[in-house]
Structures are given as C-alpha cells and as structure tokens.
Amino acid sequence: MKSALLRVRGNSMAPTVQDGDYVVGRRPSRRRPLRIGDIVVIEHPYYGRMVKRVRSLDAAGGTVEVRGDNAASVAGIDIGPVPQAQILQRAWLCISPRGVRRLRHQ
C-alpha cells in the first residue's frame, strides 16, 4: 500500500495537527476500514483538499461526516456528508518541528 505525504495548511485540526505539519496517509482498505475518530484527507468539491476527523459513518449510504478538532474549523454541517470516494487517505503519521508521532483515532 502506497503512502502519501501532505503538508497541512491552516489550524482546523489544531492542536492535533498544526499549520505547517506534514501528515503521512494511506488509502483505506478492506483490511483497515475507516473508523470513527480516524483523521482523513478528503477532496471536497467546494473547500478543496482538507484534513479532518471522521465523526460518523453511514455504511449504507457510503458517506462519512467529518469535522476539525479546532472549534474555529469549518462546521461539519457546512462540509456535509462526504462520499467515501472523496476520501483520499487515512492519516497515520504526523511530522512536525515537535517530532514524529503516530496519529491515533479518538
């Protein structure tokens, strides 16, 4: 499974992931499906590429609801349900000036 590196811009996921940090992600798979609390990289039709946390899953509808960890983030209701096809990666590692650490779901 290929990993991808993405630089984070903005503080919507602070304090977990901050502006200028890098996240390493992998595509979700059947072996490792998405779970509530995972941090994902999505491609939103209006907002573009975003890093957010999975708030809920609708397996029947094939969508997820996401939100930022920071209260000042775009509200989940404004983002709307995200089709799983728009989930590019599940972030599992953060690289920052503070060090390298695994991202855990909450």
PDB file of N, CA and C in Angstrom:
ATOM      1  N   MET A   1       0.844  -1.176   0.000  1.00  0.00           N
ATOM      2  CA  MET A   1       0.000   0.000   0.000  1.00  0.00           C
ATOM      3  C   MET A   1       0.890   1.239   0.000  1.00  0.00           C
ATOM      4  N   LYS A   2       0.665   2.138  -0.951  1.00  0.00           N
ATOM      5  CA  LYS A   2       1.469   3.355  -1.053  1.00  0.00           C
ATOM      6  C   LYS A   2       1.056   4.375  -0.007  1.00  0.00           C
ATOM      7  N   SER A   3       2.050   5.097   0.483  1.00  0.00           N
ATOM      8  CA  SER A   3       1.802   6.191   1.420  1.00  0.00           C
ATOM      9  C   SER A   3       1.989   7.509   0.684  1.00  0.00           C
ATOM     10  N   ALA A   4       1.301   8.538   1.162  1.00  0.00           N
ATOM     11  CA  ALA A   4       1.415   9.871   0.571  1.00  0.00           C
ATOM     12  C   ALA A   4       1.718  10.878   1.676  1.00  0.00           C
ATOM     13  N   LEU A   5       2.500  11.892   1.332  1.00  0.00           N
ATOM     14  CA  LEU A   5       2.876  12.952   2.266  1.00  0.00           C
ATOM     15  C   LEU A   5       2.133  14.223   1.870  1.00  0.00           C
ATOM     16  N   LEU A   6       1.514  14.883   2.840  1.00  0.00           N
ATOM     17  CA  LEU A   6       0.740  16.099   2.593  1.00  0.00           C
ATOM     18  C   LEU A   6       1.097  17.146   3.634  1.00  0.00           C
ATOM     19  N   ARG A   7       1.374  18.365   3.168  1.00  0.00           N
ATOM     20  CA  ARG A   7       1.628  19.474   4.089  1.00  0.00           C
ATOM     21  C   ARG A   7       0.289  20.098   4.479  1.00  0.00           C
ATOM     22  N   VAL A   8       0.116  20.320   5.770  1.00  0.00           N
ATOM     23  CA  VAL A   8      -1.134  20.875   6.302  1.00  0.00           C
ATOM     24  C   VAL A   8      -1.043  22.390   6.304  1.00  0.00           C
ATOM     25  N   ARG A   9      -2.113  23.019   5.828  1.00  0.00           N
ATOM     26  CA  ARG A   9      -2.215  24.479   5.853  1.00  0.00           C
ATOM     27  C   ARG A   9      -3.464  24.853   6.623  1.00  0.00           C
ATOM     28  N   GLY A  10      -3.295  25.660   7.627  1.00  0.00           N
ATOM     29  CA  GLY A  10      -4.425  26.060   8.459  1.00  0.00           C
ATOM     30  C   GLY A  10      -4.407  25.320   9.784  1.00  0.00           C
ATOM     31  N   ASN A  11      -5.258  25.768  10.694  1.00  0.00           N
ATOM     32  CA  ASN A  11      -5.276  25.208  12.047  1.00  0.00           C
ATOM     33  C   ASN A  11      -6.586  24.514  12.404  1.00  0.00           C
ATOM     34  N   SER A  12      -7.324  24.031  11.414  1.00  0.00           N
ATOM     35  CA  SER A  12      -8.612  23.403  11.708  1.00  0.00           C
ATOM     36  C   SER A  12      -8.469  22.119  12.515  1.00  0.00           C
ATOM     37  N   MET A  13      -7.283  21.493  12.491  1.00  0.00           N
ATOM     38  CA  MET A  13      -7.073  20.262  13.251  1.00  0.00           C
ATOM     39  C   MET A  13      -6.188  20.482  14.484  1.00  0.00           C
ATOM     40  N   ALA A  14      -5.872  21.752  14.800  1.00  0.00           N
ATOM     41  CA  ALA A  14      -5.059  22.046  15.982  1.00  0.00           C
ATOM     42  C   ALA A  14      -5.853  21.701  17.237  1.00  0.00           C
ATOM     43  N   PRO A  15      -5.224  21.212  18.247  1.00  0.00           N
ATOM     44  CA  PRO A  15      -3.787  21.059  18.421  1.00  0.00           C
ATOM     45  C   PRO A  15      -3.227  19.734  17.884  1.00  0.00           C
ATOM     46  N   THR A  16      -4.067  18.842  17.385  1.00  0.00           N
ATOM     47  CA  THR A  16      -3.594  17.531  16.935  1.00  0.00           C
ATOM     48  C   THR A  16      -2.596  17.658  15.796  1.00  0.00           C
ATOM     49  N   VAL A  17      -2.981  18.390  14.767  1.00  0.00           N
ATOM     50  CA  VAL A  17      -2.125  18.653  13.609  1.00  0.00           C
ATOM     51  C   VAL A  17      -2.184  20.156  13.375  1.00  0.00           C
ATOM     52  N   GLN A  18      -1.010  20.783  13.230  1.00  0.00           N
ATOM     53  CA  GLN A  18      -0.976  22.236  13.123  1.00  0.00           C
ATOM     54  C   GLN A  18      -0.470  22.699  11.767  1.00  0.00           C
ATOM     55  N   ASP A  19      -0.714  23.970  11.482  1.00  0.00           N
ATOM     56  CA  ASP A  19      -0.274  24.584  10.237  1.00  0.00           C
ATOM     57  C   ASP A  19       1.221  24.333  10.031  1.00  0.00           C
ATOM     58  N   GLY A  20       1.587  23.829   8.861  1.00  0.00           N
ATOM     59  CA  GLY A  20       2.981  23.555   8.549  1.00  0.00           C
ATOM     60  C   GLY A  20       3.426  22.129   8.838  1.00  0.00           C
ATOM     61  N   ASP A  21       2.642  21.386   9.607  1.00  0.00           N
ATOM     62  CA  ASP A  21       2.957  19.980   9.847  1.00  0.00           C
ATOM     63  C   ASP A  21       2.743  19.185   8.563  1.00  0.00           C
ATOM     64  N   TYR A  22       3.297  18.013   8.522  1.00  0.00           N
ATOM     65  CA  TYR A  22       3.065  17.069   7.423  1.00  0.00           C
ATOM     66  C   TYR A  22       2.344  15.855   7.976  1.00  0.00           C
ATOM     67  N   VAL A  23       1.429  15.302   7.193  1.00  0.00           N
ATOM     68  CA  VAL A  23       0.803  14.037   7.564  1.00  0.00           C
ATOM     69  C   VAL A  23       1.135  13.014   6.484  1.00  0.00           C
ATOM     70  N   VAL A  24       1.299  11.786   6.922  1.00  0.00           N
ATOM     71  CA  VAL A  24       1.510  10.666   6.020  1.00  0.00           C
ATOM     72  C   VAL A  24       0.231   9.850   6.065  1.00  0.00           C
ATOM     73  N   GLY A  25      -0.297   9.533   4.898  1.00  0.00           N
ATOM     74  CA  GLY A  25      -1.553   8.802   4.844  1.00  0.00           C
ATOM     75  C   GLY A  25      -1.503   7.629   3.887  1.00  0.00           C
ATOM     76  N   ARG A  26      -2.479   6.756   4.052  1.00  0.00           N
ATOM     77  CA  ARG A  26      -2.672   5.597   3.171  1.00  0.00           C
ATOM     78  C   ARG A  26      -4.147   5.510   2.828  1.00  0.00           C
ATOM     79  N   ARG A  27      -4.434   4.925   1.668  1.00  0.00           N
ATOM     80  CA  ARG A  27      -5.831   4.704   1.287  1.00  0.00           C
ATOM     81  C   ARG A  27      -6.474   3.724   2.263  1.00  0.00           C
ATOM     82  N   PRO A  28      -7.707   3.986   2.687  1.00  0.00           N
ATOM     83  CA  PRO A  28      -8.412   2.987   3.496  1.00  0.00           C
ATOM     84  C   PRO A  28      -8.587   1.704   2.667  1.00  0.00           C
ATOM     85  N   SER A  29      -8.636   0.587   3.336  1.00  0.00           N
ATOM     86  CA  SER A  29      -8.779  -0.688   2.636  1.00  0.00           C
ATOM     87  C   SER A  29      -9.770  -1.578   3.371  1.00  0.00           C
ATOM     88  N   ARG A  30     -10.081  -2.697   2.764  1.00  0.00           N
ATOM     89  CA  ARG A  30     -10.973  -3.654   3.437  1.00  0.00           C
ATOM     90  C   ARG A  30     -10.323  -4.191   4.701  1.00  0.00           C
ATOM     91  N   ARG A  31      -8.999  -4.366   4.654  1.00  0.00           N
ATOM     92  CA  ARG A  31      -8.288  -4.851   5.847  1.00  0.00           C
ATOM     93  C   ARG A  31      -8.279  -3.811   6.956  1.00  0.00           C
ATOM     94  N   ARG A  32      -8.233  -2.561   6.570  1.00  0.00           N
ATOM     95  CA  ARG A  32      -8.214  -1.465   7.543  1.00  0.00           C
ATOM     96  C   ARG A  32      -9.257  -0.424   7.166  1.00  0.00           C
ATOM     97  N   PRO A  33     -10.533  -0.735   7.399  1.00  0.00           N
ATOM     98  CA  PRO A  33     -11.583   0.221   7.030  1.00  0.00           C
ATOM     99  C   PRO A  33     -11.571   1.445   7.942  1.00  0.00           C
ATOM    100  N   LEU A  34     -12.250   2.482   7.498  1.00  0.00           N
ATOM    101  CA  LEU A  34     -12.359   3.703   8.309  1.00  0.00           C
ATOM    102  C   LEU A  34     -13.091   3.420   9.600  1.00  0.00           C
ATOM    103  N   ARG A  35     -12.682   4.157  10.645  1.00  0.00           N
ATOM    104  CA  ARG A  35     -13.361   4.083  11.930  1.00  0.00           C
ATOM    105  C   ARG A  35     -13.651   5.504  12.401  1.00  0.00           C
ATOM    106  N   ILE A  36     -14.658   5.617  13.227  1.00  0.00           N
ATOM    107  CA  ILE A  36     -14.953   6.908  13.838  1.00  0.00           C
ATOM    108  C   ILE A  36     -13.729   7.334  14.645  1.00  0.00           C
ATOM    109  N   GLY A  37     -13.315   8.583  14.455  1.00  0.00           N
ATOM    110  CA  GLY A  37     -12.147   9.119  15.141  1.00  0.00           C
ATOM    111  C   GLY A  37     -10.894   9.140  14.288  1.00  0.00           C
ATOM    112  N   ASP A  38     -10.905   8.444  13.142  1.00  0.00           N
ATOM    113  CA  ASP A  38      -9.748   8.486  12.241  1.00  0.00           C
ATOM    114  C   ASP A  38      -9.575   9.882  11.668  1.00  0.00           C
ATOM    115  N   ILE A  39      -8.341  10.247  11.365  1.00  0.00           N
ATOM    116  CA  ILE A  39      -8.049  11.505  10.682  1.00  0.00           C
ATOM    117  C   ILE A  39      -7.873  11.172   9.207  1.00  0.00           C
ATOM    118  N   VAL A  40      -8.598  11.900   8.355  1.00  0.00           N
ATOM    119  CA  VAL A  40      -8.588  11.598   6.928  1.00  0.00           C
ATOM    120  C   VAL A  40      -8.270  12.842   6.100  1.00  0.00           C
ATOM    121  N   VAL A  41      -7.792  12.584   4.893  1.00  0.00           N
ATOM    122  CA  VAL A  41      -7.575  13.634   3.898  1.00  0.00           C
ATOM    123  C   VAL A  41      -8.688  13.449   2.875  1.00  0.00           C
ATOM    124  N   ILE A  42      -9.471  14.507   2.662  1.00  0.00           N
ATOM    125  CA  ILE A  42     -10.578  14.415   1.709  1.00  0.00           C
ATOM    126  C   ILE A  42     -10.410  15.454   0.607  1.00  0.00           C
ATOM    127  N   GLU A  43     -11.045  15.197  -0.501  1.00  0.00           N
ATOM    128  CA  GLU A  43     -11.108  16.159  -1.601  1.00  0.00           C
ATOM    129  C   GLU A  43     -12.554  16.631  -1.672  1.00  0.00           C
ATOM    130  N   HIS A  44     -12.795  17.833  -1.169  1.00  0.00           N
ATOM    131  CA  HIS A  44     -14.153  18.383  -1.119  1.00  0.00           C
ATOM    132  C   HIS A  44     -14.397  19.224  -2.371  1.00  0.00           C
ATOM    133  N   PRO A  45     -15.585  19.124  -2.978  1.00  0.00           N
ATOM    134  CA  PRO A  45     -15.834  19.875  -4.218  1.00  0.00           C
ATOM    135  C   PRO A  45     -15.800  21.395  -4.048  1.00  0.00           C
ATOM    136  N   TYR A  46     -16.101  21.905  -2.862  1.00  0.00           N
ATOM    137  CA  TYR A  46     -16.111  23.348  -2.642  1.00  0.00           C
ATOM    138  C   TYR A  46     -14.852  23.820  -1.895  1.00  0.00           C
ATOM    139  N   TYR A  47     -14.480  23.126  -0.830  1.00  0.00           N
ATOM    140  CA  TYR A  47     -13.370  23.555   0.025  1.00  0.00           C
ATOM    141  C   TYR A  47     -12.010  23.036  -0.436  1.00  0.00           C
ATOM    142  N   GLY A  48     -11.979  22.089  -1.340  1.00  0.00           N
ATOM    143  CA  GLY A  48     -10.709  21.528  -1.803  1.00  0.00           C
ATOM    144  C   GLY A  48     -10.203  20.443  -0.869  1.00  0.00           C
ATOM    145  N   ARG A  49      -8.906  20.266  -0.827  1.00  0.00           N
ATOM    146  CA  ARG A  49      -8.293  19.216  -0.009  1.00  0.00           C
ATOM    147  C   ARG A  49      -8.298  19.650   1.452  1.00  0.00           C
ATOM    148  N   MET A  50      -8.781  18.754   2.308  1.00  0.00           N
ATOM    149  CA  MET A  50      -8.936  19.053   3.731  1.00  0.00           C
ATOM    150  C   MET A  50      -8.460  17.879   4.576  1.00  0.00           C
ATOM    151  N   VAL A  51      -7.960  18.183   5.772  1.00  0.00           N
ATOM    152  CA  VAL A  51      -7.637  17.164   6.768  1.00  0.00           C
ATOM    153  C   VAL A  51      -8.665  17.310   7.880  1.00  0.00           C
ATOM    154  N   LYS A  52      -9.403  16.240   8.148  1.00  0.00           N
ATOM    155  CA  LYS A  52     -10.479  16.286   9.148  1.00  0.00           C
ATOM    156  C   LYS A  52     -10.560  14.966   9.891  1.00  0.00           C
ATOM    157  N   ARG A  53     -11.366  14.943  10.943  1.00  0.00           N
ATOM    158  CA  ARG A  53     -11.590  13.735  11.736  1.00  0.00           C
ATOM    159  C   ARG A  53     -12.969  13.152  11.401  1.00  0.00           C
ATOM    160  N   VAL A  54     -13.035  11.834  11.282  1.00  0.00           N
ATOM    161  CA  VAL A  54     -14.303  11.154  10.993  1.00  0.00           C
ATOM    162  C   VAL A  54     -15.175  11.216  12.244  1.00  0.00           C
ATOM    163  N   ARG A  55     -16.361  11.757  12.072  1.00  0.00           N
ATOM    164  CA  ARG A  55     -17.311  11.893  13.181  1.00  0.00           C
ATOM    165  C   ARG A  55     -18.336  10.772  13.176  1.00  0.00           C
ATOM    166  N   SER A  56     -18.781  10.369  11.974  1.00  0.00           N
ATOM    167  CA  SER A  56     -19.730   9.259  11.870  1.00  0.00           C
ATOM    168  C   SER A  56     -19.607   8.623  10.491  1.00  0.00           C
ATOM    169  N   LEU A  57     -20.051   7.376  10.418  1.00  0.00           N
ATOM    170  CA  LEU A  57     -20.008   6.604   9.173  1.00  0.00           C
ATOM    171  C   LEU A  57     -21.407   6.163   8.814  1.00  0.00           C
ATOM    172  N   ASP A  58     -21.760   6.261   7.558  1.00  0.00           N
ATOM    173  CA  ASP A  58     -23.029   5.734   7.050  1.00  0.00           C
ATOM    174  C   ASP A  58     -22.673   4.701   5.983  1.00  0.00           C
ATOM    175  N   ALA A  59     -22.504   3.467   6.420  1.00  0.00           N
ATOM    176  CA  ALA A  59     -22.083   2.396   5.504  1.00  0.00           C
ATOM    177  C   ALA A  59     -23.113   2.187   4.397  1.00  0.00           C
ATOM    178  N   ALA A  60     -24.383   2.272   4.734  1.00  0.00           N
ATOM    179  CA  ALA A  60     -25.437   2.045   3.735  1.00  0.00           C
ATOM    180  C   ALA A  60     -25.399   3.120   2.654  1.00  0.00           C
ATOM    181  N   GLY A  61     -25.166   4.369   3.056  1.00  0.00           N
ATOM    182  CA  GLY A  61     -25.130   5.468   2.110  1.00  0.00           C
ATOM    183  C   GLY A  61     -23.754   5.712   1.515  1.00  0.00           C
ATOM    184  N   GLY A  62     -22.735   5.059   2.082  1.00  0.00           N
ATOM    185  CA  GLY A  62     -21.376   5.222   1.574  1.00  0.00           C
ATOM    186  C   GLY A  62     -20.774   6.588   1.842  1.00  0.00           C
ATOM    187  N   THR A  63     -21.215   7.234   2.934  1.00  0.00           N
ATOM    188  CA  THR A  63     -20.707   8.568   3.256  1.00  0.00           C
ATOM    189  C   THR A  63     -20.153   8.604   4.682  1.00  0.00           C
ATOM    190  N   VAL A  64     -19.362   9.640   4.945  1.00  0.00           N
ATOM    191  CA  VAL A  64     -18.861   9.901   6.291  1.00  0.00           C
ATOM    192  C   VAL A  64     -19.127  11.360   6.617  1.00  0.00           C
ATOM    193  N   GLU A  65     -19.266  11.641   7.892  1.00  0.00           N
ATOM    194  CA  GLU A  65     -19.330  13.030   8.360  1.00  0.00           C
ATOM    195  C   GLU A  65     -17.997  13.317   9.034  1.00  0.00           C
ATOM    196  N   VAL A  66     -17.458  14.497   8.766  1.00  0.00           N
ATOM    197  CA  VAL A  66     -16.150  14.874   9.298  1.00  0.00           C
ATOM    198  C   VAL A  66     -16.239  16.217  10.007  1.00  0.00           C
ATOM    199  N   ARG A  67     -15.220  16.510  10.788  1.00  0.00           N
ATOM    200  CA  ARG A  67     -15.115  17.797  11.482  1.00  0.00           C
ATOM    201  C   ARG A  67     -13.656  18.053  11.799  1.00  0.00           C
ATOM    202  N   GLY A  68     -13.324  19.291  12.111  1.00  0.00           N
ATOM    203  CA  GLY A  68     -11.988  19.631  12.560  1.00  0.00           C
ATOM    204  C   GLY A  68     -11.914  19.531  14.068  1.00  0.00           C
ATOM    205  N   ASP A  69     -10.724  19.361  14.613  1.00  0.00           N
ATOM    206  CA  ASP A  69     -10.552  19.310  16.065  1.00  0.00           C
ATOM    207  C   ASP A  69     -10.662  20.698  16.684  1.00  0.00           C
ATOM    208  N   ASN A  70     -10.352  21.743  15.922  1.00  0.00           N
ATOM    209  CA  ASN A  70     -10.375  23.113  16.403  1.00  0.00           C
ATOM    210  C   ASN A  70     -11.798  23.664  16.288  1.00  0.00           C
ATOM    211  N   ALA A  71     -12.264  24.324  17.321  1.00  0.00           N
ATOM    212  CA  ALA A  71     -13.625  24.885  17.316  1.00  0.00           C
ATOM    213  C   ALA A  71     -13.803  25.928  16.214  1.00  0.00           C
ATOM    214  N   ALA A  72     -12.722  26.548  15.751  1.00  0.00           N
ATOM    215  CA  ALA A  72     -12.805  27.563  14.698  1.00  0.00           C
ATOM    216  C   ALA A  72     -12.823  26.946  13.295  1.00  0.00           C
ATOM    217  N   SER A  73     -12.808  25.638  13.203  1.00  0.00           N
ATOM    218  CA  SER A  73     -12.821  24.945  11.913  1.00  0.00           C
ATOM    219  C   SER A  73     -14.170  25.110  11.217  1.00  0.00           C
ATOM    220  N   VAL A  74     -14.188  24.886   9.911  1.00  0.00           N
ATOM    221  CA  VAL A  74     -15.447  24.869   9.168  1.00  0.00           C
ATOM    222  C   VAL A  74     -16.343  23.814   9.807  1.00  0.00           C
ATOM    223  N   ALA A  75     -17.586  24.163  10.060  1.00  0.00           N
ATOM    224  CA  ALA A  75     -18.508  23.240  10.720  1.00  0.00           C
ATOM    225  C   ALA A  75     -18.800  22.027   9.845  1.00  0.00           C
ATOM    226  N   GLY A  76     -18.940  20.884  10.498  1.00  0.00           N
ATOM    227  CA  GLY A  76     -19.250  19.650   9.789  1.00  0.00           C
ATOM    228  C   GLY A  76     -20.510  19.753   8.955  1.00  0.00           C
ATOM    229  N   ILE A  77     -21.489  20.507   9.450  1.00  0.00           N
ATOM    230  CA  ILE A  77     -22.742  20.674   8.698  1.00  0.00           C
ATOM    231  C   ILE A  77     -22.502  21.435   7.391  1.00  0.00           C
ATOM    232  N   ASP A  78     -21.521  22.349   7.389  1.00  0.00           N
ATOM    233  CA  ASP A  78     -21.188  23.084   6.169  1.00  0.00           C
ATOM    234  C   ASP A  78     -20.434  22.198   5.176  1.00  0.00           C
ATOM    235  N   ILE A  79     -19.626  21.287   5.694  1.00  0.00           N
ATOM    236  CA  ILE A  79     -18.900  20.359   4.829  1.00  0.00           C
ATOM    237  C   ILE A  79     -19.869  19.362   4.223  1.00  0.00           C
ATOM    238  N   GLY A  80     -20.827  18.907   5.036  1.00  0.00           N
ATOM    239  CA  GLY A  80     -21.829  17.953   4.569  1.00  0.00           C
ATOM    240  C   GLY A  80     -21.304  16.530   4.556  1.00  0.00           C
ATOM    241  N   PRO A  81     -22.174  15.577   4.196  1.00  0.00           N
ATOM    242  CA  PRO A  81     -21.730  14.189   4.109  1.00  0.00           C
ATOM    243  C   PRO A  81     -20.720  14.038   2.967  1.00  0.00           C
ATOM    244  N   VAL A  82     -19.651  13.327   3.229  1.00  0.00           N
ATOM    245  CA  VAL A  82     -18.583  13.158   2.255  1.00  0.00           C
ATOM    246  C   VAL A  82     -18.648  11.731   1.699  1.00  0.00           C
ATOM    247  N   PRO A  83     -18.826  11.573   0.383  1.00  0.00           N
ATOM    248  CA  PRO A  83     -18.799  10.222  -0.185  1.00  0.00           C
ATOM    249  C   PRO A  83     -17.432   9.583   0.063  1.00  0.00           C
ATOM    250  N   GLN A  84     -17.433   8.301   0.378  1.00  0.00           N
ATOM    251  CA  GLN A  84     -16.162   7.633   0.675  1.00  0.00           C
ATOM    252  C   GLN A  84     -15.190   7.714  -0.493  1.00  0.00           C
ATOM    253  N   ALA A  85     -15.683   7.885  -1.705  1.00  0.00           N
ATOM    254  CA  ALA A  85     -14.801   8.021  -2.870  1.00  0.00           C
ATOM    255  C   ALA A  85     -13.966   9.301  -2.793  1.00  0.00           C
ATOM    256  N   GLN A  86     -14.400  10.293  -2.006  1.00  0.00           N
ATOM    257  CA  GLN A  86     -13.654  11.544  -1.859  1.00  0.00           C
ATOM    258  C   GLN A  86     -12.623  11.477  -0.731  1.00  0.00           C
ATOM    259  N   ILE A  87     -12.544  10.351  -0.046  1.00  0.00           N
ATOM    260  CA  ILE A  87     -11.531  10.177   0.985  1.00  0.00           C
ATOM    261  C   ILE A  87     -10.277   9.663   0.307  1.00  0.00           C
ATOM    262  N   LEU A  88      -9.256  10.499   0.290  1.00  0.00           N
ATOM    263  CA  LEU A  88      -8.012  10.164  -0.386  1.00  0.00           C
ATOM    264  C   LEU A  88      -7.106   9.298   0.471  1.00  0.00           C
ATOM    265  N   GLN A  89      -7.006   9.628   1.753  1.00  0.00           N
ATOM    266  CA  GLN A  89      -6.066   8.950   2.641  1.00  0.00           C
ATOM    267  C   GLN A  89      -6.602   8.926   4.065  1.00  0.00           C
ATOM    268  N   ARG A  90      -6.130   7.956   4.829  1.00  0.00           N
ATOM    269  CA  ARG A  90      -6.294   7.978   6.282  1.00  0.00           C
ATOM    270  C   ARG A  90      -4.918   8.368   6.818  1.00  0.00           C
ATOM    271  N   ALA A  91      -4.835   9.492   7.526  1.00  0.00           N
ATOM    272  CA  ALA A  91      -3.550   9.964   8.053  1.00  0.00           C
ATOM    273  C   ALA A  91      -3.172   9.113   9.259  1.00  0.00           C
ATOM    274  N   TRP A  92      -1.931   8.648   9.291  1.00  0.00           N
ATOM    275  CA  TRP A  92      -1.498   7.798  10.399  1.00  0.00           C
ATOM    276  C   TRP A  92      -0.219   8.302  11.074  1.00  0.00           C
ATOM    277  N   LEU A  93       0.423   9.300  10.454  1.00  0.00           N
ATOM    278  CA  LEU A  93       1.675   9.804  10.998  1.00  0.00           C
ATOM    279  C   LEU A  93       1.724  11.319  10.818  1.00  0.00           C
ATOM    280  N   CYS A  94       2.236  12.032  11.827  1.00  0.00           N
ATOM    281  CA  CYS A  94       2.407  13.481  11.756  1.00  0.00           C
ATOM    282  C   CYS A  94       3.891  13.799  11.934  1.00  0.00           C
ATOM    283  N   ILE A  95       4.408  14.634  11.034  1.00  0.00           N
ATOM    284  CA  ILE A  95       5.799  15.073  11.104  1.00  0.00           C
ATOM    285  C   ILE A  95       5.766  16.586  11.330  1.00  0.00           C
ATOM    286  N   SER A  96       6.374  17.032  12.427  1.00  0.00           N
ATOM    287  CA  SER A  96       6.336  18.453  12.767  1.00  0.00           C
ATOM    288  C   SER A  96       7.652  18.848  13.424  1.00  0.00           C
ATOM    289  N   PRO A  97       7.852  20.157  13.679  1.00  0.00           N
ATOM    290  CA  PRO A  97       9.052  20.588  14.406  1.00  0.00           C
ATOM    291  C   PRO A  97       9.130  19.972  15.807  1.00  0.00           C
ATOM    292  N   ARG A  98       8.001  19.512  16.325  1.00  0.00           N
ATOM    293  CA  ARG A  98       7.968  18.893  17.654  1.00  0.00           C
ATOM    294  C   ARG A  98       8.340  17.420  17.615  1.00  0.00           C
ATOM    295  N   GLY A  99       8.499  16.869  16.398  1.00  0.00           N
ATOM    296  CA  GLY A  99       8.891  15.459  16.272  1.00  0.00           C
ATOM    297  C   GLY A  99       7.946  14.691  15.362  1.00  0.00           C
ATOM    298  N   VAL A 100       8.148  13.391  15.333  1.00  0.00           N
ATOM    299  CA  VAL A 100       7.324  12.487  14.536  1.00  0.00           C
ATOM    300  C   VAL A 100       6.466  11.672  15.492  1.00  0.00           C
ATOM    301  N   ARG A 101       5.172  11.579  15.195  1.00  0.00           N
ATOM    302  CA  ARG A 101       4.294  10.791  16.076  1.00  0.00           C
ATOM    303  C   ARG A 101       3.165  10.155  15.284  1.00  0.00           C
ATOM    304  N   ARG A 102       2.711   9.040  15.790  1.00  0.00           N
ATOM    305  CA  ARG A 102       1.571   8.343  15.186  1.00  0.00           C
ATOM    306  C   ARG A 102       0.293   9.091  15.547  1.00  0.00           C
ATOM    307  N   LEU A 103      -0.617   9.163  14.601  1.00  0.00           N
ATOM    308  CA  LEU A 103      -1.923   9.753  14.845  1.00  0.00           C
ATOM    309  C   LEU A 103      -2.876   8.637  15.243  1.00  0.00           C
ATOM    310  N   ARG A 104      -3.533   8.810  16.333  1.00  0.00           N
ATOM    311  CA  ARG A 104      -4.472   7.805  16.821  1.00  0.00           C
ATOM    312  C   ARG A 104      -5.893   8.310  16.689  1.00  0.00           C
ATOM    313  N   HIS A 105      -6.813   7.383  16.520  1.00  0.00           N
ATOM    314  CA  HIS A 105      -8.201   7.827  16.433  1.00  0.00           C
ATOM    315  C   HIS A 105      -8.705   8.117  17.847  1.00  0.00           C
ATOM    316  N   GLN A 106      -9.679   8.986  17.937  1.00  0.00           N
ATOM    317  CA  GLN A 106     -10.244   9.376  19.239  1.00  0.00           C
ATOM    318  C   GLN A 106     -11.673   8.960  19.320  1.00  0.00           C
TER     319      GLN A 106
END
